Amino acid sequence: MDLNKRLQPRDSQVLKFIEDTKVTNSNQIGKAFFKNLHPTVCMRRLKFLHEYSYVNRSRYKEGNGYTGYIYYPTDTKKPSKKILTHNLMVSDFYATMLEAQIEVLSFKPTYMIGNIIADAYIKYKGNDGVIRRAFLEVQRSGKISDCVLKYKDIKSVIMKEKNWNTMPRLIVMTDLKDEKITLRHINIIYCNTELKNIRGVLF
């Protein structure tokens, strides 16, 4: 194999992250895998992965006018602009977990359980070795209840479909200011999109 095309160990981690999230951007990859390194190191590796067809890359423009790149698996279509910001926020949660050195065992976006579709399902492990689970919802508009009330029967759904020994928590990432809802059978944690205390949210 041409040495110029050879993957580095960190490249494989980045590719798995892109495969898991389905879409991410260079900032998220940088904070997850290139922490404390100059941004050009991250951009150089991403350029390599794209030029040798390990990933797809497209330009995107954020609401604040910033133009950058999104990255997504080679076997998927370019993400829809309509849901791109939402999906990148889901990916940002995962990237922030990795930045905080939280061991992520499984991350599945658009996860279906029963008739519930969560924005993501996360299985992770704490420093104590205990395996935990969480559903993630990102709510950018409308009402918080729009994404919470669908979990009102989650206990019976899990008991029917899964062999989990503990109930997952529900994490709602939102900057909306309306009333925070509680449910009887699931612990709901609310956090804003800045994600400054990711460990406090997850543990």
N, C-alpha and C. Protein backbone atom coordinates (compact mmCIF):
# COMPACT_ATOMS: atom_id res chain seq x y z
N MET A 1 0.84 -1.20 0.00
CA MET A 1 0.00 0.00 0.00
C MET A 1 0.87 1.25 0.00
N ASP A 2 0.49 2.23 -0.77
CA ASP A 2 1.18 3.51 -0.81
C ASP A 2 1.20 4.10 0.60
N LEU A 3 2.40 4.45 1.10
CA LEU A 3 2.52 5.00 2.45
C LEU A 3 1.72 6.27 2.62
N ASN A 4 1.56 7.02 1.54
CA ASN A 4 0.81 8.27 1.61
C ASN A 4 -0.68 8.04 1.85
N LYS A 5 -1.14 6.80 1.59
CA LYS A 5 -2.55 6.48 1.76
C LYS A 5 -2.82 5.72 3.06
N ARG A 6 -1.78 5.50 3.85
CA ARG A 6 -1.93 4.67 5.04
C ARG A 6 -2.65 5.43 6.15
N LEU A 7 -3.59 4.74 6.78
CA LEU A 7 -4.32 5.34 7.89
C LEU A 7 -3.49 5.32 9.16
N GLN A 8 -3.55 6.39 9.90
CA GLN A 8 -2.97 6.43 11.23
C GLN A 8 -4.03 5.93 12.23
N PRO A 9 -3.59 5.46 13.42
CA PRO A 9 -4.57 4.96 14.40
C PRO A 9 -5.67 5.97 14.70
N ARG A 10 -5.33 7.24 14.81
CA ARG A 10 -6.35 8.24 15.11
C ARG A 10 -7.30 8.43 13.94
N ASP A 11 -6.82 8.22 12.71
CA ASP A 11 -7.71 8.30 11.54
C ASP A 11 -8.84 7.29 11.67
N SER A 12 -8.52 6.09 12.13
CA SER A 12 -9.54 5.05 12.28
C SER A 12 -10.58 5.45 13.31
N GLN A 13 -10.14 6.12 14.38
CA GLN A 13 -11.08 6.60 15.40
C GLN A 13 -12.00 7.67 14.82
N VAL A 14 -11.42 8.55 14.02
CA VAL A 14 -12.22 9.61 13.39
C VAL A 14 -13.25 9.00 12.44
N LEU A 15 -12.83 8.01 11.67
CA LEU A 15 -13.75 7.38 10.72
C LEU A 15 -14.90 6.68 11.45
N LYS A 16 -14.61 6.05 12.57
CA LYS A 16 -15.68 5.41 13.36
C LYS A 16 -16.64 6.48 13.89
N PHE A 17 -16.11 7.59 14.33
CA PHE A 17 -16.95 8.67 14.82
C PHE A 17 -17.88 9.19 13.72
N ILE A 18 -17.35 9.35 12.53
CA ILE A 18 -18.15 9.81 11.39
C ILE A 18 -19.21 8.77 11.04
N GLU A 19 -18.84 7.51 11.08
CA GLU A 19 -19.79 6.44 10.80
C GLU A 19 -20.89 6.40 11.85
N ASP A 20 -20.53 6.61 13.11
CA ASP A 20 -21.52 6.59 14.19
C ASP A 20 -22.49 7.76 14.10
N THR A 21 -21.97 8.95 13.87
CA THR A 21 -22.80 10.15 13.90
C THR A 21 -23.58 10.37 12.60
N LYS A 22 -23.06 9.88 11.50
CA LYS A 22 -23.62 10.06 10.16
C LYS A 22 -23.34 11.44 9.58
N VAL A 23 -23.10 12.43 10.41
CA VAL A 23 -22.65 13.74 9.93
C VAL A 23 -22.01 14.49 11.08
N THR A 24 -20.89 15.14 10.80
CA THR A 24 -20.18 15.92 11.81
C THR A 24 -19.41 17.02 11.11
N ASN A 25 -18.80 17.91 11.88
CA ASN A 25 -18.00 18.96 11.26
C ASN A 25 -16.59 18.95 11.84
N SER A 26 -15.73 19.77 11.26
CA SER A 26 -14.32 19.76 11.64
C SER A 26 -14.12 20.22 13.08
N ASN A 27 -14.94 21.16 13.56
CA ASN A 27 -14.80 21.62 14.94
C ASN A 27 -15.06 20.48 15.93
N GLN A 28 -16.08 19.67 15.66
CA GLN A 28 -16.41 18.56 16.54
C GLN A 28 -15.31 17.50 16.52
N ILE A 29 -14.82 17.19 15.35
CA ILE A 29 -13.73 16.22 15.23
C ILE A 29 -12.49 16.74 15.94
N GLY A 30 -12.24 18.04 15.81
CA GLY A 30 -11.08 18.64 16.45
C GLY A 30 -11.12 18.51 17.96
N LYS A 31 -12.25 18.82 18.56
CA LYS A 31 -12.31 18.77 20.03
C LYS A 31 -12.36 17.34 20.56
N ALA A 32 -12.84 16.40 19.76
CA ALA A 32 -12.92 15.02 20.20
C ALA A 32 -11.59 14.28 20.06
N PHE A 33 -10.81 14.59 19.02
CA PHE A 33 -9.63 13.79 18.72
C PHE A 33 -8.32 14.56 18.60
N PHE A 34 -8.38 15.88 18.53
CA PHE A 34 -7.16 16.67 18.34
C PHE A 34 -7.05 17.76 19.41
N LYS A 35 -7.51 17.45 20.61
CA LYS A 35 -7.49 18.40 21.71
C LYS A 35 -6.05 18.82 22.01
N ASN A 36 -5.85 20.11 22.22
CA ASN A 36 -4.55 20.69 22.56
C ASN A 36 -3.55 20.65 21.41
N LEU A 37 -4.02 20.35 20.21
CA LEU A 37 -3.18 20.41 19.03
C LEU A 37 -3.61 21.59 18.16
N HIS A 38 -2.72 22.07 17.33
CA HIS A 38 -3.06 23.18 16.44
C HIS A 38 -4.14 22.71 15.45
N PRO A 39 -5.11 23.58 15.16
CA PRO A 39 -6.22 23.18 14.25
C PRO A 39 -5.75 22.66 12.90
N THR A 40 -4.59 23.09 12.44
CA THR A 40 -4.12 22.63 11.13
C THR A 40 -3.83 21.13 11.12
N VAL A 41 -3.50 20.57 12.28
CA VAL A 41 -3.25 19.12 12.35
C VAL A 41 -4.52 18.36 12.02
N CYS A 42 -5.62 18.79 12.62
CA CYS A 42 -6.92 18.17 12.34
C CYS A 42 -7.31 18.35 10.88
N MET A 43 -7.17 19.57 10.37
CA MET A 43 -7.58 19.84 8.98
C MET A 43 -6.74 19.05 7.98
N ARG A 44 -5.47 18.87 8.30
CA ARG A 44 -4.60 18.11 7.40
C ARG A 44 -5.02 16.65 7.32
N ARG A 45 -5.41 16.06 8.46
CA ARG A 45 -5.85 14.66 8.45
C ARG A 45 -7.21 14.51 7.78
N LEU A 46 -8.08 15.46 7.99
CA LEU A 46 -9.39 15.40 7.33
C LEU A 46 -9.26 15.57 5.82
N LYS A 47 -8.36 16.42 5.42
CA LYS A 47 -8.10 16.58 3.98
C LYS A 47 -7.61 15.27 3.39
N PHE A 48 -6.71 14.58 4.10
CA PHE A 48 -6.22 13.28 3.66
C PHE A 48 -7.36 12.27 3.53
N LEU A 49 -8.22 12.19 4.54
CA LEU A 49 -9.32 11.23 4.52
C LEU A 49 -10.27 11.49 3.37
N HIS A 50 -10.48 12.75 3.06
CA HIS A 50 -11.37 13.08 1.94
C HIS A 50 -10.70 12.81 0.60
N GLU A 51 -9.46 13.22 0.45
CA GLU A 51 -8.78 13.08 -0.84
C GLU A 51 -8.59 11.62 -1.23
N TYR A 52 -8.46 10.74 -0.24
CA TYR A 52 -8.30 9.32 -0.54
C TYR A 52 -9.61 8.54 -0.38
N SER A 53 -10.73 9.29 -0.39
CA SER A 53 -12.08 8.72 -0.48
C SER A 53 -12.47 7.86 0.72
N TYR A 54 -11.94 8.19 1.89
CA TYR A 54 -12.38 7.51 3.10
C TYR A 54 -13.67 8.12 3.63
N VAL A 55 -13.91 9.39 3.32
CA VAL A 55 -15.12 10.09 3.77
C VAL A 55 -15.60 11.03 2.67
N ASN A 56 -16.87 11.39 2.76
CA ASN A 56 -17.41 12.45 1.92
C ASN A 56 -17.30 13.78 2.66
N ARG A 57 -17.18 14.85 1.90
CA ARG A 57 -17.05 16.18 2.49
C ARG A 57 -17.84 17.18 1.66
N SER A 58 -18.53 18.10 2.34
CA SER A 58 -19.27 19.16 1.65
C SER A 58 -19.16 20.44 2.46
N ARG A 59 -19.24 21.56 1.77
CA ARG A 59 -19.25 22.84 2.47
C ARG A 59 -20.63 23.09 3.06
N TYR A 60 -20.65 23.79 4.18
CA TYR A 60 -21.92 24.19 4.77
C TYR A 60 -21.75 25.57 5.41
N LYS A 61 -22.86 26.25 5.59
CA LYS A 61 -22.84 27.60 6.16
C LYS A 61 -23.76 27.66 7.36
N GLU A 62 -23.21 28.09 8.49
CA GLU A 62 -24.02 28.22 9.69
C GLU A 62 -24.76 29.55 9.70
N GLY A 63 -25.69 29.68 10.63
CA GLY A 63 -26.50 30.88 10.73
C GLY A 63 -25.69 32.14 11.01
N ASN A 64 -24.54 31.97 11.67
CA ASN A 64 -23.72 33.13 11.99
C ASN A 64 -22.79 33.52 10.84
N GLY A 65 -22.95 32.85 9.70
CA GLY A 65 -22.15 33.18 8.53
C GLY A 65 -20.88 32.36 8.38
N TYR A 66 -20.57 31.53 9.40
CA TYR A 66 -19.36 30.71 9.33
C TYR A 66 -19.51 29.64 8.25
N THR A 67 -18.50 29.51 7.42
CA THR A 67 -18.51 28.48 6.38
C THR A 67 -17.42 27.47 6.68
N GLY A 68 -17.79 26.22 6.70
CA GLY A 68 -16.82 25.16 6.97
C GLY A 68 -17.20 23.90 6.21
N TYR A 69 -16.73 22.76 6.69
CA TYR A 69 -17.01 21.49 6.04
C TYR A 69 -17.78 20.57 6.98
N ILE A 70 -18.66 19.79 6.39
CA ILE A 70 -19.25 18.66 7.09
C ILE A 70 -18.67 17.39 6.49
N TYR A 71 -18.64 16.33 7.31
CA TYR A 71 -18.09 15.05 6.89
C TYR A 71 -19.13 13.98 7.16
N TYR A 72 -19.28 13.05 6.22
CA TYR A 72 -20.26 11.99 6.37
C TYR A 72 -19.78 10.75 5.63
N PRO A 73 -20.30 9.58 5.98
CA PRO A 73 -19.79 8.32 5.39
C PRO A 73 -19.94 8.29 3.88
N THR A 74 -19.06 7.55 3.24
CA THR A 74 -19.06 7.48 1.78
C THR A 74 -20.28 6.77 1.22
N ASP A 75 -20.94 5.95 2.03
CA ASP A 75 -22.09 5.19 1.53
C ASP A 75 -23.42 5.88 1.85
N THR A 76 -23.39 7.16 2.23
CA THR A 76 -24.62 7.89 2.53
C THR A 76 -24.70 9.14 1.67
N LYS A 77 -25.93 9.63 1.52
CA LYS A 77 -26.15 10.85 0.75
C LYS A 77 -25.81 12.08 1.58
N LYS A 78 -25.61 13.18 0.92
CA LYS A 78 -25.35 14.44 1.60
C LYS A 78 -26.55 14.76 2.50
N PRO A 79 -26.31 15.09 3.76
CA PRO A 79 -27.41 15.36 4.69
C PRO A 79 -28.29 16.53 4.22
N SER A 80 -29.56 16.43 4.51
CA SER A 80 -30.49 17.47 4.15
C SER A 80 -30.21 18.76 4.92
N LYS A 81 -30.25 19.88 4.23
CA LYS A 81 -30.03 21.18 4.89
C LYS A 81 -31.09 21.43 5.96
N LYS A 82 -32.27 20.89 5.76
CA LYS A 82 -33.38 21.13 6.68
C LYS A 82 -33.09 20.62 8.08
N ILE A 83 -32.40 19.50 8.18
CA ILE A 83 -32.15 18.90 9.49
C ILE A 83 -30.66 18.91 9.86
N LEU A 84 -29.84 19.58 9.07
CA LEU A 84 -28.40 19.55 9.28
C LEU A 84 -28.00 20.13 10.64
N THR A 85 -28.53 21.31 10.97
CA THR A 85 -28.16 21.94 12.24
C THR A 85 -28.55 21.05 13.41
N HIS A 86 -29.75 20.49 13.34
CA HIS A 86 -30.22 19.58 14.40
C HIS A 86 -29.28 18.38 14.54
N ASN A 87 -28.93 17.76 13.42
CA ASN A 87 -28.10 16.56 13.47
C ASN A 87 -26.68 16.88 13.95
N LEU A 88 -26.18 18.06 13.60
CA LEU A 88 -24.86 18.45 14.08
C LEU A 88 -24.86 18.68 15.59
N MET A 89 -25.98 19.12 16.14
CA MET A 89 -26.09 19.28 17.59
C MET A 89 -26.06 17.93 18.29
N VAL A 90 -26.68 16.93 17.68
CA VAL A 90 -26.62 15.57 18.21
C VAL A 90 -25.17 15.08 18.20
N SER A 91 -24.48 15.31 17.09
CA SER A 91 -23.08 14.91 16.97
C SER A 91 -22.21 15.65 17.98
N ASP A 92 -22.56 16.90 18.26
CA ASP A 92 -21.76 17.70 19.19
C ASP A 92 -21.82 17.12 20.60
N PHE A 93 -22.96 16.54 20.95
CA PHE A 93 -23.06 15.90 22.27
C PHE A 93 -22.06 14.76 22.38
N TYR A 94 -21.99 13.94 21.35
CA TYR A 94 -21.05 12.82 21.32
C TYR A 94 -19.61 13.33 21.38
N ALA A 95 -19.30 14.34 20.58
CA ALA A 95 -17.95 14.89 20.54
C ALA A 95 -17.56 15.44 21.91
N THR A 96 -18.50 16.06 22.60
CA THR A 96 -18.22 16.62 23.92
C THR A 96 -17.97 15.52 24.94
N MET A 97 -18.67 14.41 24.81
CA MET A 97 -18.40 13.25 25.66
C MET A 97 -16.96 12.76 25.47
N LEU A 98 -16.54 12.65 24.23
CA LEU A 98 -15.19 12.18 23.95
C LEU A 98 -14.15 13.19 24.44
N GLU A 99 -14.45 14.46 24.28
CA GLU A 99 -13.54 15.50 24.76
C GLU A 99 -13.35 15.38 26.27
N ALA A 100 -14.42 15.02 26.98
CA ALA A 100 -14.38 14.86 28.44
C ALA A 100 -13.84 13.49 28.85
N GLN A 101 -13.40 12.70 27.88
CA GLN A 101 -12.80 11.38 28.10
C GLN A 101 -13.78 10.41 28.76
N ILE A 102 -15.03 10.49 28.33
CA ILE A 102 -16.05 9.54 28.76
C ILE A 102 -16.05 8.37 27.78
N GLU A 103 -16.02 7.17 28.30
CA GLU A 103 -15.97 5.98 27.44
C GLU A 103 -17.35 5.70 26.85
N VAL A 104 -17.48 5.90 25.55
CA VAL A 104 -18.74 5.66 24.85
C VAL A 104 -18.70 4.26 24.26
N LEU A 105 -19.62 3.42 24.69
CA LEU A 105 -19.68 2.04 24.21
C LEU A 105 -20.52 1.92 22.95
N SER A 106 -21.53 2.77 22.84
CA SER A 106 -22.40 2.74 21.66
C SER A 106 -23.09 4.09 21.51
N PHE A 107 -23.14 4.57 20.30
CA PHE A 107 -23.85 5.81 19.99
C PHE A 107 -24.64 5.59 18.71
N LYS A 108 -25.96 5.67 18.82
CA LYS A 108 -26.81 5.39 17.67
C LYS A 108 -27.81 6.54 17.47
N PRO A 109 -27.60 7.37 16.45
CA PRO A 109 -28.56 8.44 16.17
C PRO A 109 -29.84 7.89 15.56
N THR A 110 -30.92 8.64 15.71
CA THR A 110 -32.23 8.25 15.18
C THR A 110 -32.55 6.81 15.61
N TYR A 111 -32.65 6.62 16.90
CA TYR A 111 -32.81 5.29 17.49
C TYR A 111 -34.28 5.03 17.78
N MET A 112 -34.78 3.89 17.31
CA MET A 112 -36.18 3.55 17.48
C MET A 112 -36.35 2.45 18.52
N ILE A 113 -37.24 2.68 19.48
CA ILE A 113 -37.60 1.69 20.48
C ILE A 113 -39.12 1.76 20.65
N GLY A 114 -39.79 0.67 20.37
CA GLY A 114 -41.26 0.70 20.32
C GLY A 114 -41.69 1.65 19.22
N ASN A 115 -42.59 2.57 19.57
CA ASN A 115 -43.00 3.58 18.60
C ASN A 115 -42.33 4.92 18.86
N ILE A 116 -41.26 4.90 19.66
CA ILE A 116 -40.52 6.12 20.01
C ILE A 116 -39.27 6.21 19.16
N ILE A 117 -39.04 7.36 18.58
CA ILE A 117 -37.79 7.61 17.85
C ILE A 117 -37.01 8.67 18.62
N ALA A 118 -35.92 8.26 19.23
CA ALA A 118 -35.06 9.19 19.95
C ALA A 118 -34.03 9.79 18.99
N ASP A 119 -33.58 10.99 19.30
CA ASP A 119 -32.53 11.60 18.47
C ASP A 119 -31.24 10.79 18.55
N ALA A 120 -31.02 10.14 19.69
CA ALA A 120 -29.86 9.24 19.82
C ALA A 120 -30.03 8.36 21.05
N TYR A 121 -29.41 7.19 20.97
CA TYR A 121 -29.27 6.29 22.12
C TYR A 121 -27.79 6.20 22.43
N ILE A 122 -27.44 6.34 23.70
CA ILE A 122 -26.03 6.33 24.11
C ILE A 122 -25.83 5.32 25.22
N LYS A 123 -24.84 4.46 25.05
CA LYS A 123 -24.42 3.53 26.09
C LYS A 123 -22.99 3.90 26.46
N TYR A 124 -22.74 4.12 27.74
CA TYR A 124 -21.43 4.63 28.13
C TYR A 124 -21.06 4.09 29.51
N LYS A 125 -19.79 4.29 29.87
CA LYS A 125 -19.28 3.76 31.13
C LYS A 125 -18.59 4.86 31.92
N GLY A 126 -18.84 4.88 33.20
CA GLY A 126 -18.20 5.85 34.08
C GLY A 126 -16.89 5.34 34.62
N ASN A 127 -16.19 6.19 35.36
CA ASN A 127 -14.93 5.79 35.98
C ASN A 127 -15.12 4.66 36.98
N ASP A 128 -16.34 4.50 37.47
CA ASP A 128 -16.64 3.43 38.43
C ASP A 128 -16.89 2.09 37.74
N GLY A 129 -16.85 2.09 36.39
CA GLY A 129 -17.05 0.87 35.64
C GLY A 129 -18.50 0.51 35.39
N VAL A 130 -19.42 1.30 35.94
CA VAL A 130 -20.85 1.03 35.77
C VAL A 130 -21.30 1.47 34.38
N ILE A 131 -22.02 0.57 33.70
CA ILE A 131 -22.55 0.88 32.37
C ILE A 131 -23.88 1.62 32.51
N ARG A 132 -24.01 2.72 31.81
CA ARG A 132 -25.22 3.53 31.86
C ARG A 132 -25.76 3.72 30.45
N ARG A 133 -27.04 4.09 30.39
CA ARG A 133 -27.70 4.34 29.11
C ARG A 133 -28.46 5.66 29.16
N ALA A 134 -28.60 6.26 28.00
CA ALA A 134 -29.37 7.51 27.93
C ALA A 134 -29.99 7.66 26.54
N PHE A 135 -31.16 8.29 26.52
CA PHE A 135 -31.74 8.76 25.27
C PHE A 135 -31.46 10.25 25.19
N LEU A 136 -31.16 10.73 23.99
CA LEU A 136 -30.89 12.15 23.78
C LEU A 136 -31.95 12.75 22.88
N GLU A 137 -32.45 13.91 23.29
CA GLU A 137 -33.37 14.70 22.47
C GLU A 137 -32.81 16.11 22.34
N VAL A 138 -32.79 16.62 21.13
CA VAL A 138 -32.39 18.00 20.87
C VAL A 138 -33.64 18.76 20.43
N GLN A 139 -34.00 19.77 21.19
CA GLN A 139 -35.22 20.54 20.90
C GLN A 139 -34.84 21.98 20.62
N ARG A 140 -34.96 22.39 19.37
CA ARG A 140 -34.54 23.74 18.96
C ARG A 140 -35.70 24.70 18.86
N SER A 141 -36.91 24.20 18.63
CA SER A 141 -38.08 25.07 18.44
C SER A 141 -39.32 24.35 18.96
N GLY A 142 -40.45 25.04 18.94
CA GLY A 142 -41.67 24.44 19.44
C GLY A 142 -41.70 24.45 20.95
N LYS A 143 -42.14 23.34 21.54
CA LYS A 143 -42.22 23.21 22.99
C LYS A 143 -41.42 22.01 23.47
N ILE A 144 -40.92 22.10 24.68
CA ILE A 144 -40.16 20.99 25.25
C ILE A 144 -41.02 19.73 25.32
N SER A 145 -42.31 19.92 25.56
CA SER A 145 -43.21 18.76 25.65
C SER A 145 -43.23 17.96 24.35
N ASP A 146 -42.93 18.60 23.23
CA ASP A 146 -42.96 17.91 21.94
C ASP A 146 -42.01 16.71 21.91
N CYS A 147 -40.90 16.80 22.64
CA CYS A 147 -39.93 15.71 22.60
C CYS A 147 -39.94 14.86 23.86
N VAL A 148 -40.64 15.30 24.90
CA VAL A 148 -40.61 14.59 26.18
C VAL A 148 -41.79 13.64 26.36
N LEU A 149 -42.98 14.10 26.02
CA LEU A 149 -44.18 13.32 26.33
C LEU A 149 -44.24 11.98 25.63
N LYS A 150 -43.52 11.82 24.54
CA LYS A 150 -43.52 10.51 23.85
C LYS A 150 -42.87 9.42 24.71
N TYR A 151 -42.18 9.81 25.79
CA TYR A 151 -41.53 8.84 26.67
C TYR A 151 -42.39 8.46 27.87
N LYS A 152 -43.65 8.87 27.90
CA LYS A 152 -44.48 8.65 29.09
C LYS A 152 -44.70 7.16 29.38
N ASP A 153 -44.63 6.31 28.37
CA ASP A 153 -44.81 4.87 28.59
C ASP A 153 -43.51 4.10 28.36
N ILE A 154 -42.38 4.78 28.52
CA ILE A 154 -41.10 4.18 28.17
C ILE A 154 -40.77 2.95 29.02
N LYS A 155 -41.18 2.93 30.27
CA LYS A 155 -40.86 1.78 31.13
C LYS A 155 -41.46 0.49 30.58
N SER A 156 -42.72 0.53 30.18
CA SER A 156 -43.36 -0.67 29.65
C SER A 156 -42.74 -1.07 28.31
N VAL A 157 -42.34 -0.09 27.52
CA VAL A 157 -41.70 -0.38 26.23
C VAL A 157 -40.37 -1.09 26.45
N ILE A 158 -39.59 -0.59 27.38
CA ILE A 158 -38.28 -1.20 27.67
C ILE A 158 -38.45 -2.60 28.25
N MET A 159 -39.39 -2.77 29.15
CA MET A 159 -39.61 -4.09 29.75
C MET A 159 -40.03 -5.11 28.69
N LYS A 160 -40.71 -4.65 27.67
CA LYS A 160 -41.19 -5.54 26.61
C LYS A 160 -40.09 -5.87 25.61
N GLU A 161 -39.23 -4.89 25.31
CA GLU A 161 -38.30 -5.04 24.20
C GLU A 161 -36.84 -5.26 24.59
N LYS A 162 -36.46 -4.87 25.82
CA LYS A 162 -35.05 -4.89 26.17
C LYS A 162 -34.82 -5.66 27.48
N ASN A 163 -33.62 -6.15 27.61
CA ASN A 163 -33.22 -6.84 28.84
C ASN A 163 -32.22 -5.96 29.59
N TRP A 164 -32.62 -4.71 29.84
CA TRP A 164 -31.75 -3.77 30.53
C TRP A 164 -32.02 -3.85 32.03
N ASN A 165 -30.95 -3.85 32.82
CA ASN A 165 -31.13 -3.95 34.28
C ASN A 165 -31.37 -2.60 34.95
N THR A 166 -31.17 -1.52 34.22
CA THR A 166 -31.46 -0.18 34.75
C THR A 166 -32.17 0.64 33.68
N MET A 167 -32.97 1.58 34.13
CA MET A 167 -33.64 2.48 33.20
C MET A 167 -32.67 3.54 32.69
N PRO A 168 -32.72 3.85 31.41
CA PRO A 168 -31.89 4.95 30.91
C PRO A 168 -32.43 6.29 31.40
N ARG A 169 -31.60 7.30 31.35
CA ARG A 169 -32.09 8.64 31.60
C ARG A 169 -32.41 9.31 30.27
N LEU A 170 -33.20 10.33 30.32
CA LEU A 170 -33.53 11.11 29.13
C LEU A 170 -32.84 12.46 29.25
N ILE A 171 -31.99 12.76 28.29
CA ILE A 171 -31.27 14.04 28.26
C ILE A 171 -31.90 14.92 27.19
N VAL A 172 -32.35 16.07 27.60
CA VAL A 172 -32.97 17.03 26.67
C VAL A 172 -32.03 18.22 26.54
N MET A 173 -31.46 18.39 25.37
CA MET A 173 -30.56 19.50 25.10
C MET A 173 -31.35 20.61 24.40
N THR A 174 -31.53 21.73 25.08
CA THR A 174 -32.37 22.79 24.54
C THR A 174 -32.01 24.13 25.17
N ASP A 175 -32.25 25.18 24.43
CA ASP A 175 -32.13 26.55 24.96
C ASP A 175 -33.50 27.18 25.14
N LEU A 176 -34.56 26.41 24.95
CA LEU A 176 -35.92 26.92 25.15
C LEU A 176 -36.15 27.20 26.63
N LYS A 177 -36.96 28.20 26.90
CA LYS A 177 -37.17 28.64 28.28
C LYS A 177 -38.52 28.20 28.85
N ASP A 178 -39.30 27.42 28.13
CA ASP A 178 -40.60 27.03 28.66
C ASP A 178 -40.44 25.98 29.75
N GLU A 179 -41.53 25.61 30.35
CA GLU A 179 -41.54 24.77 31.55
C GLU A 179 -40.88 23.41 31.31
N LYS A 180 -40.01 23.03 32.24
CA LYS A 180 -39.36 21.72 32.19
C LYS A 180 -40.34 20.65 32.71
N ILE A 181 -40.47 19.58 31.97
CA ILE A 181 -41.45 18.53 32.28
C ILE A 181 -40.75 17.38 33.00
N THR A 182 -41.47 16.77 33.94
CA THR A 182 -40.98 15.55 34.57
C THR A 182 -41.93 14.40 34.25
N LEU A 183 -41.40 13.19 34.21
CA LEU A 183 -42.19 11.99 33.98
C LEU A 183 -41.92 11.00 35.11
N ARG A 184 -42.87 10.12 35.33
CA ARG A 184 -42.81 9.22 36.48
C ARG A 184 -41.72 8.17 36.38
N HIS A 185 -41.54 7.59 35.20
CA HIS A 185 -40.69 6.40 35.09
C HIS A 185 -39.33 6.64 34.45
N ILE A 186 -38.97 7.89 34.21
CA ILE A 186 -37.67 8.15 33.61
C ILE A 186 -37.11 9.45 34.15
N ASN A 187 -35.84 9.43 34.48
CA ASN A 187 -35.17 10.61 34.99
C ASN A 187 -34.80 11.52 33.82
N ILE A 188 -35.27 12.75 33.84
CA ILE A 188 -35.03 13.69 32.75
C ILE A 188 -34.03 14.74 33.19
N ILE A 189 -32.96 14.89 32.41
CA ILE A 189 -31.93 15.88 32.68
C ILE A 189 -31.96 16.91 31.55
N TYR A 190 -32.05 18.17 31.91
CA TYR A 190 -32.05 19.24 30.92
C TYR A 190 -30.69 19.93 30.90
N CYS A 191 -30.22 20.23 29.70
CA CYS A 191 -28.96 20.97 29.56
C CYS A 191 -29.06 21.90 28.37
N ASN A 192 -28.28 22.97 28.39
CA ASN A 192 -28.30 23.88 27.24
C ASN A 192 -27.31 23.41 26.19
N THR A 193 -27.29 24.09 25.08
CA THR A 193 -26.49 23.63 23.94
C THR A 193 -25.00 23.90 24.10
N GLU A 194 -24.62 24.65 25.13
CA GLU A 194 -23.19 24.91 25.35
C GLU A 194 -22.48 23.70 25.95
N LEU A 195 -23.23 22.84 26.64
CA LEU A 195 -22.71 21.59 27.19
C LEU A 195 -21.45 21.80 28.05
N LYS A 196 -21.54 22.76 28.96
CA LYS A 196 -20.37 23.08 29.79
C LYS A 196 -20.13 22.08 30.91
N ASN A 197 -21.15 21.31 31.28
CA ASN A 197 -21.01 20.35 32.38
C ASN A 197 -21.51 18.98 31.95
N ILE A 198 -20.83 18.40 30.98
CA ILE A 198 -21.28 17.15 30.41
C ILE A 198 -21.28 16.01 31.43
N ARG A 199 -20.33 16.00 32.33
CA ARG A 199 -20.29 14.95 33.35
C ARG A 199 -21.45 15.08 34.33
N GLY A 200 -21.82 16.32 34.66
CA GLY A 200 -22.96 16.53 35.53
C GLY A 200 -24.26 16.08 34.89
N VAL A 201 -24.32 16.12 33.57
CA VAL A 201 -25.50 15.68 32.84
C VAL A 201 -25.58 14.16 32.80
N LEU A 202 -24.44 13.51 32.64
CA LEU A 202 -24.40 12.07 32.38
C LEU A 202 -24.28 11.22 33.65
N PHE A 203 -23.82 11.81 34.75
CA PHE A 203 -23.58 10.99 35.95
C PHE A 203 -24.31 11.56 37.15
